[in-house]
Amino acid sequence: MTESVRAGRGKRIVLRTLAVLGVTLLMVLLLLLGAIIIVCKGPSPTARDLFVNTVMETSAAKFMAYICFSQEEIDAIRAKNSVVETVEVTEKMEFEQGDQSVPKDTIKLVDVTGPTFKGKMLIVHDPSRVEVAVAPVFDKEASGVRVEDFAKQENAVAAINGGGFLDEGGVGKGGMPLGIVIKDGQLLNGGMDSPQPIVGFDTNDQLVVGAMTGRECLERGIRDAVSFGPTFIVNGKALDVAGSGGGLNPRTVLGQRADGAVLMLVIDGRQAHSIGATYKDCIDVMLEYGAVNAANLDGGSSSMLVYNGEVQNVCASLYGSRPLPTAFVVK
């Protein structure tokens, strides 16, 4: 067999292989498109709403919802599948006496499970140990800090991801927070007079959730806070959730019990072992652990819990934990 014949045969093999791969990929895409259309246009509004809410909370899969629906239709679906908003903000209160047999510096890590999710709950008995950590610079061109690195830099026992950030196209650098950021009583980001959903602690170490302006935060004595939401539980009352409530996704939630203990919940999602949790799932877990105030933090591929130098959950991002502008750390 001559060199030219061998070369020709090799070229035909390569072309056939590429053709098979191309056809296979096309079939997979057609099956995916068919499945999306069946879910979106099928007989079950519940399945449709769950799908739309789930993909719209992702950075990379939002396009799937737009295959079948307009922006107006998506907005309508999301509006009726969400936490019912409230204007209520955490009221000042005195902590109840906790179990005196448990030392104040106790931190406990427990597993949480549900029908569609698995996660971790970190219970921090001393709320004064929980603070906000921030990236060195807030700028859309600056890189944020990974949760693991926040823990190292702050010499912290534990850390979870914090508030929202500019993330255009899901490829943001994580250096520019959205909304209010307060660190050690100083307003580092956000306006003085524009209300934002806040999650943070006042100088009495009480978790405060609800919509507040920067000015109201400072007047209230908020020492450390970020912006995100929705609020899940306020002043002992769980908010109502309509429909599928955010879909099934990775979640990070911050709460506090009546005795002051802080509850840090991180739920895995978009994984074989854990699809994810809805807003209602998160509220139910927080109520089970005694939360009287609780709110949603940034989730999805940002969800991360580090404890004793080790990552405790499975990050949804294919590239590992994301750089972020803020985190909550336990000193």
C-alpha atoms as a PDB file:
ATOM      1  CA  MET A   1       0.000   0.000   0.000  1.00  0.00           C
ATOM      2  CA  THR A   2       1.427   3.305  -1.054  1.00  0.00           C
ATOM      3  CA  GLU A   3       1.777   6.312   1.209  1.00  0.00           C
ATOM      4  CA  SER A   4      -0.913   8.189  -0.737  1.00  0.00           C
ATOM      5  CA  VAL A   5      -3.409   5.303  -0.345  1.00  0.00           C
ATOM      6  CA  ARG A   6      -2.710   5.054   3.402  1.00  0.00           C
ATOM      7  CA  ALA A   7      -3.098   8.818   3.764  1.00  0.00           C
ATOM      8  CA  GLY A   8      -6.400   8.711   1.877  1.00  0.00           C
ATOM      9  CA  ARG A   9      -7.723   5.876   4.038  1.00  0.00           C
ATOM     10  CA  GLY A  10      -6.654   7.700   7.193  1.00  0.00           C
ATOM     11  CA  LYS A  11      -8.405  10.858   6.028  1.00  0.00           C
ATOM     12  CA  ARG A  12     -11.630   8.903   5.319  1.00  0.00           C
ATOM     13  CA  ILE A  13     -11.512   7.350   8.805  1.00  0.00           C
ATOM     14  CA  VAL A  14     -11.111  10.777  10.394  1.00  0.00           C
ATOM     15  CA  LEU A  15     -13.987  12.182   8.332  1.00  0.00           C
ATOM     16  CA  ARG A  16     -16.256   9.241   9.203  1.00  0.00           C
ATOM     17  CA  THR A  17     -15.410   9.643  12.882  1.00  0.00           C
ATOM     18  CA  LEU A  18     -16.177  13.357  12.777  1.00  0.00           C
ATOM     19  CA  ALA A  19     -19.424  12.651  10.951  1.00  0.00           C
ATOM     20  CA  VAL A  20     -20.497  10.113  13.602  1.00  0.00           C
ATOM     21  CA  LEU A  21     -19.629  12.556  16.384  1.00  0.00           C
ATOM     22  CA  GLY A  22     -21.511  15.327  14.601  1.00  0.00           C
ATOM     23  CA  VAL A  23     -24.623  13.211  14.144  1.00  0.00           C
ATOM     24  CA  THR A  24     -24.455  12.034  17.757  1.00  0.00           C
ATOM     25  CA  LEU A  25     -24.126  15.604  19.022  1.00  0.00           C
ATOM     26  CA  LEU A  26     -27.019  16.716  16.820  1.00  0.00           C
ATOM     27  CA  MET A  27     -29.208  13.895  18.171  1.00  0.00           C
ATOM     28  CA  VAL A  28     -28.353  14.835  21.752  1.00  0.00           C
ATOM     29  CA  LEU A  29     -29.200  18.482  21.070  1.00  0.00           C
ATOM     30  CA  LEU A  30     -32.489  17.506  19.412  1.00  0.00           C
ATOM     31  CA  LEU A  31     -33.382  15.269  22.354  1.00  0.00           C
ATOM     32  CA  LEU A  32     -32.541  18.089  24.782  1.00  0.00           C
ATOM     33  CA  LEU A  33     -34.611  20.553  22.759  1.00  0.00           C
ATOM     34  CA  GLY A  34     -37.481  18.078  22.642  1.00  0.00           C
ATOM     35  CA  ALA A  35     -37.327  17.528  26.387  1.00  0.00           C
ATOM     36  CA  ILE A  36     -37.330  21.279  27.038  1.00  0.00           C
ATOM     37  CA  ILE A  37     -40.346  21.783  24.769  1.00  0.00           C
ATOM     38  CA  ILE A  38     -42.231  18.902  26.406  1.00  0.00           C
ATOM     39  CA  VAL A  39     -41.610  20.321  29.889  1.00  0.00           C
ATOM     40  CA  CYS A  40     -42.383  23.914  28.903  1.00  0.00           C
ATOM     41  CA  LYS A  41     -45.382  23.272  26.661  1.00  0.00           C
ATOM     42  CA  GLY A  42     -46.641  20.069  28.249  1.00  0.00           C
ATOM     43  CA  PRO A  43     -49.721  19.574  30.422  1.00  0.00           C
ATOM     44  CA  SER A  44     -48.042  20.328  33.777  1.00  0.00           C
ATOM     45  CA  PRO A  45     -47.783  24.015  34.778  1.00  0.00           C
ATOM     46  CA  THR A  46     -45.969  22.920  37.930  1.00  0.00           C
ATOM     47  CA  ALA A  47     -43.191  21.202  35.951  1.00  0.00           C
ATOM     48  CA  ARG A  48     -42.995  24.208  33.620  1.00  0.00           C
ATOM     49  CA  ASP A  49     -42.681  26.701  36.463  1.00  0.00           C
ATOM     50  CA  LEU A  50     -40.116  24.565  38.302  1.00  0.00           C
ATOM     51  CA  PHE A  51     -37.985  24.302  35.159  1.00  0.00           C
ATOM     52  CA  VAL A  52     -38.127  28.023  34.353  1.00  0.00           C
ATOM     53  CA  ASN A  53     -37.350  29.109  37.923  1.00  0.00           C
ATOM     54  CA  THR A  54     -34.489  26.629  38.183  1.00  0.00           C
ATOM     55  CA  VAL A  55     -32.680  27.593  34.966  1.00  0.00           C
ATOM     56  CA  MET A  56     -33.255  31.334  35.466  1.00  0.00           C
ATOM     57  CA  GLU A  57     -31.189  31.187  38.669  1.00  0.00           C
ATOM     58  CA  THR A  58     -28.191  29.823  36.771  1.00  0.00           C
ATOM     59  CA  SER A  59     -25.509  31.809  34.987  1.00  0.00           C
ATOM     60  CA  ALA A  60     -25.146  29.574  31.957  1.00  0.00           C
ATOM     61  CA  ALA A  61     -28.524  27.866  31.420  1.00  0.00           C
ATOM     62  CA  LYS A  62     -30.910  30.831  31.260  1.00  0.00           C
ATOM     63  CA  PHE A  63     -31.108  30.422  27.467  1.00  0.00           C
ATOM     64  CA  MET A  64     -33.158  27.247  27.937  1.00  0.00           C
ATOM     65  CA  ALA A  65     -36.125  29.232  29.242  1.00  0.00           C
ATOM     66  CA  TYR A  66     -35.942  31.614  26.284  1.00  0.00           C
ATOM     67  CA  ILE A  67     -36.297  28.717  23.834  1.00  0.00           C
ATOM     68  CA  CYS A  68     -39.997  28.562  24.667  1.00  0.00           C
ATOM     69  CA  PHE A  69     -40.898  31.808  26.399  1.00  0.00           C
ATOM     70  CA  SER A  70     -40.581  35.550  25.951  1.00  0.00           C
ATOM     71  CA  GLN A  71     -39.127  37.805  28.638  1.00  0.00           C
ATOM     72  CA  GLU A  72     -42.637  38.886  29.619  1.00  0.00           C
ATOM     73  CA  GLU A  73     -43.783  35.268  30.023  1.00  0.00           C
ATOM     74  CA  ILE A  74     -40.695  34.399  32.064  1.00  0.00           C
ATOM     75  CA  ASP A  75     -41.239  37.424  34.301  1.00  0.00           C
ATOM     76  CA  ALA A  76     -44.851  36.365  34.880  1.00  0.00           C
ATOM     77  CA  ILE A  77     -43.829  32.807  35.780  1.00  0.00           C
ATOM     78  CA  ARG A  78     -41.167  34.013  38.200  1.00  0.00           C
ATOM     79  CA  ALA A  79     -43.508  36.552  39.792  1.00  0.00           C
ATOM     80  CA  LYS A  80     -45.986  33.840  40.783  1.00  0.00           C
ATOM     81  CA  ASN A  81     -43.292  31.442  42.003  1.00  0.00           C
ATOM     82  CA  SER A  82     -41.490  33.404  44.670  1.00  0.00           C
ATOM     83  CA  VAL A  83     -41.430  34.466  48.286  1.00  0.00           C
ATOM     84  CA  VAL A  84     -44.302  36.830  49.078  1.00  0.00           C
ATOM     85  CA  GLU A  85     -42.565  40.146  49.802  1.00  0.00           C
ATOM     86  CA  THR A  86     -42.803  41.921  53.133  1.00  0.00           C
ATOM     87  CA  VAL A  87     -41.816  45.358  54.401  1.00  0.00           C
ATOM     88  CA  GLU A  88     -41.089  43.949  57.840  1.00  0.00           C
ATOM     89  CA  VAL A  89     -37.563  44.300  59.242  1.00  0.00           C
ATOM     90  CA  THR A  90     -36.040  42.476  62.210  1.00  0.00           C
ATOM     91  CA  GLU A  91     -37.066  44.068  65.489  1.00  0.00           C
ATOM     92  CA  LYS A  92     -34.612  44.548  68.322  1.00  0.00           C
ATOM     93  CA  MET A  93     -34.818  41.769  70.890  1.00  0.00           C
ATOM     94  CA  GLU A  94     -32.979  40.257  73.819  1.00  0.00           C
ATOM     95  CA  PHE A  95     -31.585  36.795  73.312  1.00  0.00           C
ATOM     96  CA  GLU A  96     -33.217  34.008  75.282  1.00  0.00           C
ATOM     97  CA  GLN A  97     -31.116  31.927  77.619  1.00  0.00           C
ATOM     98  CA  GLY A  98     -29.708  28.922  75.807  1.00  0.00           C
ATOM     99  CA  ASP A  99     -28.546  25.564  77.078  1.00  0.00           C
ATOM    100  CA  GLN A 100     -25.921  26.487  79.675  1.00  0.00           C
ATOM    101  CA  SER A 101     -24.365  23.046  79.413  1.00  0.00           C
ATOM    102  CA  VAL A 102     -23.158  24.007  75.917  1.00  0.00           C
ATOM    103  CA  PRO A 103     -20.012  26.194  75.991  1.00  0.00           C
ATOM    104  CA  LYS A 104     -20.393  29.589  74.290  1.00  0.00           C
ATOM    105  CA  ASP A 105     -17.584  28.862  71.828  1.00  0.00           C
ATOM    106  CA  THR A 106     -19.232  25.675  70.545  1.00  0.00           C
ATOM    107  CA  ILE A 107     -19.490  25.207  66.776  1.00  0.00           C
ATOM    108  CA  LYS A 108     -21.353  22.181  65.445  1.00  0.00           C
ATOM    109  CA  LEU A 109     -21.515  20.874  61.875  1.00  0.00           C
ATOM    110  CA  VAL A 110     -24.522  18.695  60.974  1.00  0.00           C
ATOM    111  CA  ASP A 111     -25.888  17.078  57.829  1.00  0.00           C
ATOM    112  CA  VAL A 112     -29.231  18.175  56.396  1.00  0.00           C
ATOM    113  CA  THR A 113     -31.259  16.231  53.856  1.00  0.00           C
ATOM    114  CA  GLY A 114     -34.504  16.570  51.950  1.00  0.00           C
ATOM    115  CA  PRO A 115     -36.316  14.890  49.054  1.00  0.00           C
ATOM    116  CA  THR A 116     -34.129  16.609  46.440  1.00  0.00           C
ATOM    117  CA  PHE A 117     -31.124  17.875  48.358  1.00  0.00           C
ATOM    118  CA  LYS A 118     -28.262  17.292  50.754  1.00  0.00           C
ATOM    119  CA  GLY A 119     -26.327  19.953  52.594  1.00  0.00           C
ATOM    120  CA  LYS A 120     -24.587  21.121  55.747  1.00  0.00           C
ATOM    121  CA  MET A 121     -25.663  23.269  58.669  1.00  0.00           C
ATOM    122  CA  LEU A 122     -23.035  25.022  60.780  1.00  0.00           C
ATOM    123  CA  ILE A 123     -24.319  26.117  64.189  1.00  0.00           C
ATOM    124  CA  VAL A 124     -22.233  28.897  65.761  1.00  0.00           C
ATOM    125  CA  HIS A 125     -23.302  29.507  69.375  1.00  0.00           C
ATOM    126  CA  ASP A 126     -21.483  32.831  69.754  1.00  0.00           C
ATOM    127  CA  PRO A 127     -22.878  35.357  67.206  1.00  0.00           C
ATOM    128  CA  SER A 128     -20.143  37.884  67.999  1.00  0.00           C
ATOM    129  CA  ARG A 129     -17.716  35.645  66.120  1.00  0.00           C
ATOM    130  CA  VAL A 130     -19.545  36.115  62.797  1.00  0.00           C
ATOM    131  CA  GLU A 131     -18.311  38.997  60.640  1.00  0.00           C
ATOM    132  CA  VAL A 132     -18.277  40.116  57.012  1.00  0.00           C
ATOM    133  CA  ALA A 133     -14.999  39.764  55.114  1.00  0.00           C
ATOM    134  CA  VAL A 134     -14.445  41.880  52.008  1.00  0.00           C
ATOM    135  CA  ALA A 135     -12.192  41.808  48.960  1.00  0.00           C
ATOM    136  CA  PRO A 136      -9.321  44.348  48.950  1.00  0.00           C
ATOM    137  CA  VAL A 137     -10.911  46.437  46.171  1.00  0.00           C
ATOM    138  CA  PHE A 138     -14.476  46.807  44.905  1.00  0.00           C
ATOM    139  CA  ASP A 139     -14.331  47.213  41.138  1.00  0.00           C
ATOM    140  CA  LYS A 140     -15.822  45.334  38.182  1.00  0.00           C
ATOM    141  CA  GLU A 141     -12.330  44.797  36.779  1.00  0.00           C
ATOM    142  CA  ALA A 142     -10.905  43.582  40.083  1.00  0.00           C
ATOM    143  CA  SER A 143     -10.818  39.939  41.085  1.00  0.00           C
ATOM    144  CA  GLY A 144     -12.706  38.815  44.156  1.00  0.00           C
ATOM    145  CA  VAL A 145     -11.557  36.313  46.762  1.00  0.00           C
ATOM    146  CA  ARG A 146     -12.518  32.643  47.035  1.00  0.00           C
ATOM    147  CA  VAL A 147     -14.285  31.571  50.219  1.00  0.00           C
ATOM    148  CA  GLU A 148     -11.359  29.306  51.121  1.00  0.00           C
ATOM    149  CA  ASP A 149      -8.990  32.246  50.808  1.00  0.00           C
ATOM    150  CA  PHE A 150     -11.274  34.522  52.828  1.00  0.00           C
ATOM    151  CA  ALA A 151     -11.051  31.954  55.624  1.00  0.00           C
ATOM    152  CA  LYS A 152      -7.254  31.871  55.431  1.00  0.00           C
ATOM    153  CA  GLN A 153      -6.820  35.645  55.210  1.00  0.00           C
ATOM    154  CA  GLU A 154      -9.131  36.267  58.160  1.00  0.00           C
ATOM    155  CA  ASN A 155      -7.688  33.389  60.180  1.00  0.00           C
ATOM    156  CA  ALA A 156     -11.284  32.180  60.431  1.00  0.00           C
ATOM    157  CA  VAL A 157     -12.599  28.857  61.668  1.00  0.00           C
ATOM    158  CA  ALA A 158     -15.354  28.889  59.046  1.00  0.00           C
ATOM    159  CA  ALA A 159     -16.622  30.899  56.098  1.00  0.00           C
ATOM    160  CA  ILE A 160     -19.582  30.977  53.715  1.00  0.00           C
ATOM    161  CA  ASN A 161     -20.206  33.059  50.606  1.00  0.00           C
ATOM    162  CA  GLY A 162     -21.904  36.413  51.079  1.00  0.00           C
ATOM    163  CA  GLY A 163     -23.906  38.859  48.976  1.00  0.00           C
ATOM    164  CA  GLY A 164     -24.542  39.350  45.302  1.00  0.00           C
ATOM    165  CA  PHE A 165     -22.054  40.721  42.800  1.00  0.00           C
ATOM    166  CA  LEU A 166     -21.768  41.936  39.240  1.00  0.00           C
ATOM    167  CA  ASP A 167     -21.615  38.805  37.106  1.00  0.00           C
ATOM    168  CA  GLU A 168     -22.399  39.654  33.494  1.00  0.00           C
ATOM    169  CA  GLY A 169     -22.814  36.515  31.447  1.00  0.00           C
ATOM    170  CA  GLY A 170     -21.748  34.379  34.378  1.00  0.00           C
ATOM    171  CA  VAL A 171     -18.101  35.283  33.837  1.00  0.00           C
ATOM    172  CA  GLY A 172     -17.693  38.190  36.241  1.00  0.00           C
ATOM    173  CA  LYS A 173     -14.447  38.549  38.157  1.00  0.00           C
ATOM    174  CA  GLY A 174     -16.238  38.732  41.486  1.00  0.00           C
ATOM    175  CA  GLY A 175     -14.796  42.070  42.530  1.00  0.00           C
ATOM    176  CA  MET A 176     -17.876  44.304  42.436  1.00  0.00           C
ATOM    177  CA  PRO A 177     -20.660  43.755  44.995  1.00  0.00           C
ATOM    178  CA  LEU A 178     -24.279  44.679  44.351  1.00  0.00           C
ATOM    179  CA  GLY A 179     -26.132  46.690  46.956  1.00  0.00           C
ATOM    180  CA  ILE A 180     -25.064  47.443  50.496  1.00  0.00           C
ATOM    181  CA  VAL A 181     -21.841  46.237  52.093  1.00  0.00           C
ATOM    182  CA  ILE A 182     -21.058  47.228  55.678  1.00  0.00           C
ATOM    183  CA  LYS A 183     -17.883  46.203  57.471  1.00  0.00           C
ATOM    184  CA  ASP A 184     -17.092  47.213  61.074  1.00  0.00           C
ATOM    185  CA  GLY A 185     -19.868  49.810  60.979  1.00  0.00           C
ATOM    186  CA  GLN A 186     -18.557  51.460  57.791  1.00  0.00           C
ATOM    187  CA  LEU A 187     -20.683  51.660  54.647  1.00  0.00           C
ATOM    188  CA  LEU A 188     -18.334  50.413  51.916  1.00  0.00           C
ATOM    189  CA  ASN A 189     -20.850  50.018  49.096  1.00  0.00           C
ATOM    190  CA  GLY A 190     -24.429  51.021  48.343  1.00  0.00           C
ATOM    191  CA  GLY A 191     -26.390  54.231  48.632  1.00  0.00           C
ATOM    192  CA  MET A 192     -27.437  56.045  51.766  1.00  0.00           C
ATOM    193  CA  ASP A 193     -31.032  56.482  50.639  1.00  0.00           C
ATOM    194  CA  SER A 194     -31.855  53.554  48.350  1.00  0.00           C
ATOM    195  CA  PRO A 195     -33.511  50.582  50.119  1.00  0.00           C
ATOM    196  CA  GLN A 196     -31.778  47.241  49.618  1.00  0.00           C
ATOM    197  CA  PRO A 197     -32.448  43.762  51.025  1.00  0.00           C
ATOM    198  CA  ILE A 198     -29.840  43.342  53.746  1.00  0.00           C
ATOM    199  CA  VAL A 199     -28.528  40.412  55.747  1.00  0.00           C
ATOM    200  CA  GLY A 200     -26.226  41.312  58.608  1.00  0.00           C
ATOM    201  CA  PHE A 201     -25.530  41.836  62.283  1.00  0.00           C
ATOM    202  CA  ASP A 202     -25.957  44.861  64.515  1.00  0.00           C
ATOM    203  CA  THR A 203     -23.707  45.865  67.410  1.00  0.00           C
ATOM    204  CA  ASN A 204     -25.757  43.610  69.703  1.00  0.00           C
ATOM    205  CA  ASP A 205     -24.864  40.656  67.455  1.00  0.00           C
ATOM    206  CA  GLN A 206     -28.470  40.255  66.366  1.00  0.00           C
ATOM    207  CA  LEU A 207     -29.093  39.114  62.797  1.00  0.00           C
ATOM    208  CA  VAL A 208     -31.069  41.776  60.938  1.00  0.00           C
ATOM    209  CA  VAL A 209     -32.944  40.978  57.709  1.00  0.00           C
ATOM    210  CA  GLY A 210     -35.246  43.060  55.518  1.00  0.00           C
ATOM    211  CA  ALA A 211     -35.071  46.064  53.202  1.00  0.00           C
ATOM    212  CA  MET A 212     -33.139  49.051  54.567  1.00  0.00           C
ATOM    213  CA  THR A 213     -31.266  52.065  53.223  1.00  0.00           C
ATOM    214  CA  GLY A 214     -27.625  52.645  54.029  1.00  0.00           C
ATOM    215  CA  ARG A 215     -28.672  55.461  56.343  1.00  0.00           C
ATOM    216  CA  GLU A 216     -31.144  53.240  58.199  1.00  0.00           C
ATOM    217  CA  CYS A 217     -28.473  50.565  58.578  1.00  0.00           C
ATOM    218  CA  LEU A 218     -26.035  52.987  60.164  1.00  0.00           C
ATOM    219  CA  GLU A 219     -28.712  54.470  62.410  1.00  0.00           C
ATOM    220  CA  ARG A 220     -29.709  50.955  63.482  1.00  0.00           C
ATOM    221  CA  GLY A 221     -26.114  50.157  64.365  1.00  0.00           C
ATOM    222  CA  ILE A 222     -25.502  47.512  61.728  1.00  0.00           C
ATOM    223  CA  ARG A 223     -21.867  46.451  62.104  1.00  0.00           C
ATOM    224  CA  ASP A 224     -21.548  43.915  59.254  1.00  0.00           C
ATOM    225  CA  ALA A 225     -23.952  43.293  56.371  1.00  0.00           C
ATOM    226  CA  VAL A 226     -24.375  42.455  52.694  1.00  0.00           C
ATOM    227  CA  SER A 227     -27.274  42.732  50.273  1.00  0.00           C
ATOM    228  CA  PHE A 228     -29.215  39.721  49.090  1.00  0.00           C
ATOM    229  CA  GLY A 229     -32.575  38.062  49.497  1.00  0.00           C
ATOM    230  CA  PRO A 230     -35.313  37.190  49.706  1.00  0.00           C
ATOM    231  CA  THR A 231     -36.011  37.288  53.423  1.00  0.00           C
ATOM    232  CA  PHE A 232     -37.183  33.864  54.605  1.00  0.00           C
ATOM    233  CA  ILE A 233     -38.071  34.380  58.278  1.00  0.00           C
ATOM    234  CA  VAL A 234     -38.484  37.681  60.112  1.00  0.00           C
ATOM    235  CA  ASN A 235     -39.363  38.191  63.778  1.00  0.00           C
ATOM    236  CA  GLY A 236     -40.236  34.525  64.147  1.00  0.00           C
ATOM    237  CA  LYS A 237     -42.616  34.484  61.175  1.00  0.00           C
ATOM    238  CA  ALA A 238     -41.878  32.469  58.048  1.00  0.00           C
ATOM    239  CA  LEU A 239     -42.795  34.201  54.817  1.00  0.00           C
ATOM    240  CA  ASP A 240     -45.184  32.519  52.405  1.00  0.00           C
ATOM    241  CA  VAL A 241     -43.747  30.997  49.245  1.00  0.00           C
ATOM    242  CA  ALA A 242     -45.809  30.831  46.068  1.00  0.00           C
ATOM    243  CA  GLY A 243     -45.337  27.946  43.658  1.00  0.00           C
ATOM    244  CA  SER A 244     -41.895  26.474  43.085  1.00  0.00           C
ATOM    245  CA  GLY A 245     -40.123  29.369  44.819  1.00  0.00           C
ATOM    246  CA  GLY A 246     -36.853  29.818  42.949  1.00  0.00           C
ATOM    247  CA  GLY A 247     -36.659  26.296  41.582  1.00  0.00           C
ATOM    248  CA  LEU A 248     -34.172  23.618  42.624  1.00  0.00           C
ATOM    249  CA  ASN A 249     -30.715  25.113  43.040  1.00  0.00           C
ATOM    250  CA  PRO A 250     -27.685  25.261  45.335  1.00  0.00           C
ATOM    251  CA  ARG A 251     -28.451  27.527  48.306  1.00  0.00           C
ATOM    252  CA  THR A 252     -26.717  29.468  51.058  1.00  0.00           C
ATOM    253  CA  VAL A 253     -28.852  30.763  53.939  1.00  0.00           C
ATOM    254  CA  LEU A 254     -27.984  32.697  57.101  1.00  0.00           C
ATOM    255  CA  GLY A 255     -30.238  32.522  60.163  1.00  0.00           C
ATOM    256  CA  GLN A 256     -30.290  33.014  63.912  1.00  0.00           C
ATOM    257  CA  ARG A 257     -32.059  31.285  66.789  1.00  0.00           C
ATOM    258  CA  ALA A 258     -33.759  33.022  69.687  1.00  0.00           C
ATOM    259  CA  ASP A 259     -30.753  32.234  71.903  1.00  0.00           C
ATOM    260  CA  GLY A 260     -28.439  34.049  69.461  1.00  0.00           C
ATOM    261  CA  ALA A 261     -26.838  31.005  67.856  1.00  0.00           C
ATOM    262  CA  VAL A 262     -26.116  31.599  64.164  1.00  0.00           C
ATOM    263  CA  LEU A 263     -27.243  29.060  61.567  1.00  0.00           C
ATOM    264  CA  MET A 264     -25.191  28.787  58.374  1.00  0.00           C
ATOM    265  CA  LEU A 265     -26.867  26.547  55.812  1.00  0.00           C
ATOM    266  CA  VAL A 266     -25.274  25.495  52.518  1.00  0.00           C
ATOM    267  CA  ILE A 267     -27.137  23.099  50.218  1.00  0.00           C
ATOM    268  CA  ASP A 268     -25.571  21.326  47.246  1.00  0.00           C
ATOM    269  CA  GLY A 269     -27.284  21.485  43.868  1.00  0.00           C
ATOM    270  CA  ARG A 270     -26.914  20.554  40.199  1.00  0.00           C
ATOM    271  CA  GLN A 271     -25.277  17.320  41.336  1.00  0.00           C
ATOM    272  CA  ALA A 272     -26.205  13.648  41.025  1.00  0.00           C
ATOM    273  CA  HIS A 273     -26.430  13.338  44.828  1.00  0.00           C
ATOM    274  CA  SER A 274     -28.310  16.613  45.310  1.00  0.00           C
ATOM    275  CA  ILE A 275     -30.436  18.361  42.677  1.00  0.00           C
ATOM    276  CA  GLY A 276     -30.995  21.406  44.868  1.00  0.00           C
ATOM    277  CA  ALA A 277     -33.529  23.092  47.139  1.00  0.00           C
ATOM    278  CA  THR A 278     -36.425  25.523  46.720  1.00  0.00           C
ATOM    279  CA  TYR A 279     -36.972  28.579  48.902  1.00  0.00           C
ATOM    280  CA  LYS A 280     -39.624  26.610  50.806  1.00  0.00           C
ATOM    281  CA  ASP A 281     -37.125  23.812  51.484  1.00  0.00           C
ATOM    282  CA  CYS A 282     -34.695  26.345  52.978  1.00  0.00           C
ATOM    283  CA  ILE A 283     -37.375  27.901  55.168  1.00  0.00           C
ATOM    284  CA  ASP A 284     -38.433  24.489  56.443  1.00  0.00           C
ATOM    285  CA  VAL A 285     -34.840  23.570  57.371  1.00  0.00           C
ATOM    286  CA  MET A 286     -34.302  26.907  59.126  1.00  0.00           C
ATOM    287  CA  LEU A 287     -37.539  26.510  61.099  1.00  0.00           C
ATOM    288  CA  GLU A 288     -36.546  22.966  62.048  1.00  0.00           C
ATOM    289  CA  TYR A 289     -33.331  24.352  63.565  1.00  0.00           C
ATOM    290  CA  GLY A 290     -35.127  27.126  65.420  1.00  0.00           C
ATOM    291  CA  ALA A 291     -34.435  30.207  63.294  1.00  0.00           C
ATOM    292  CA  VAL A 292     -36.379  33.354  64.207  1.00  0.00           C
ATOM    293  CA  ASN A 293     -34.712  35.432  61.496  1.00  0.00           C
ATOM    294  CA  ALA A 294     -33.232  34.117  58.261  1.00  0.00           C
ATOM    295  CA  ALA A 295     -32.522  35.225  54.709  1.00  0.00           C
ATOM    296  CA  ASN A 296     -31.205  33.877  51.447  1.00  0.00           C
ATOM    297  CA  LEU A 297     -27.626  34.643  50.428  1.00  0.00           C
ATOM    298  CA  ASP A 298     -26.094  34.276  46.974  1.00  0.00           C
ATOM    299  CA  GLY A 299     -26.429  30.679  45.808  1.00  0.00           C
ATOM    300  CA  GLY A 300     -25.800  28.642  42.697  1.00  0.00           C
ATOM    301  CA  SER A 301     -22.147  28.224  41.813  1.00  0.00           C
ATOM    302  CA  SER A 302     -21.236  30.688  44.587  1.00  0.00           C
ATOM    303  CA  SER A 303     -22.520  28.447  47.412  1.00  0.00           C
ATOM    304  CA  MET A 304     -19.590  27.398  49.568  1.00  0.00           C
ATOM    305  CA  LEU A 305     -18.904  26.364  53.160  1.00  0.00           C
ATOM    306  CA  VAL A 306     -15.402  26.075  54.573  1.00  0.00           C
ATOM    307  CA  TYR A 307     -14.863  24.729  58.086  1.00  0.00           C
ATOM    308  CA  ASN A 308     -11.566  23.915  59.812  1.00  0.00           C
ATOM    309  CA  GLY A 309      -9.680  24.518  56.578  1.00  0.00           C
ATOM    310  CA  GLU A 310     -11.763  22.099  54.508  1.00  0.00           C
ATOM    311  CA  VAL A 311     -14.501  22.666  51.942  1.00  0.00           C
ATOM    312  CA  GLN A 312     -17.617  20.964  53.291  1.00  0.00           C
ATOM    313  CA  ASN A 313     -19.864  20.999  50.219  1.00  0.00           C
ATOM    314  CA  VAL A 314     -19.650  20.197  46.519  1.00  0.00           C
ATOM    315  CA  CYS A 315     -19.337  23.362  44.445  1.00  0.00           C
ATOM    316  CA  ALA A 316     -21.722  23.554  41.480  1.00  0.00           C
ATOM    317  CA  SER A 317     -19.134  25.335  39.335  1.00  0.00           C
ATOM    318  CA  LEU A 318     -17.108  23.196  36.945  1.00  0.00           C
ATOM    319  CA  TYR A 319     -14.129  25.454  37.649  1.00  0.00           C
ATOM    320  CA  GLY A 320     -14.207  25.241  41.433  1.00  0.00           C
ATOM    321  CA  SER A 321     -15.152  27.931  43.920  1.00  0.00           C
ATOM    322  CA  ARG A 322     -15.713  31.392  42.507  1.00  0.00           C
ATOM    323  CA  PRO A 323     -13.978  34.652  43.444  1.00  0.00           C
ATOM    324  CA  LEU A 324     -16.388  36.835  45.420  1.00  0.00           C
ATOM    325  CA  PRO A 325     -16.429  40.347  46.914  1.00  0.00           C
ATOM    326  CA  THR A 326     -17.859  39.333  50.304  1.00  0.00           C
ATOM    327  CA  ALA A 327     -18.172  36.419  52.684  1.00  0.00           C
ATOM    328  CA  PHE A 328     -19.357  35.742  56.216  1.00  0.00           C
ATOM    329  CA  VAL A 329     -16.538  34.393  58.388  1.00  0.00           C
ATOM    330  CA  VAL A 330     -16.426  32.918  61.880  1.00  0.00           C
ATOM    331  CA  LYS A 331     -13.409  34.147  63.819  1.00  0.00           C
END
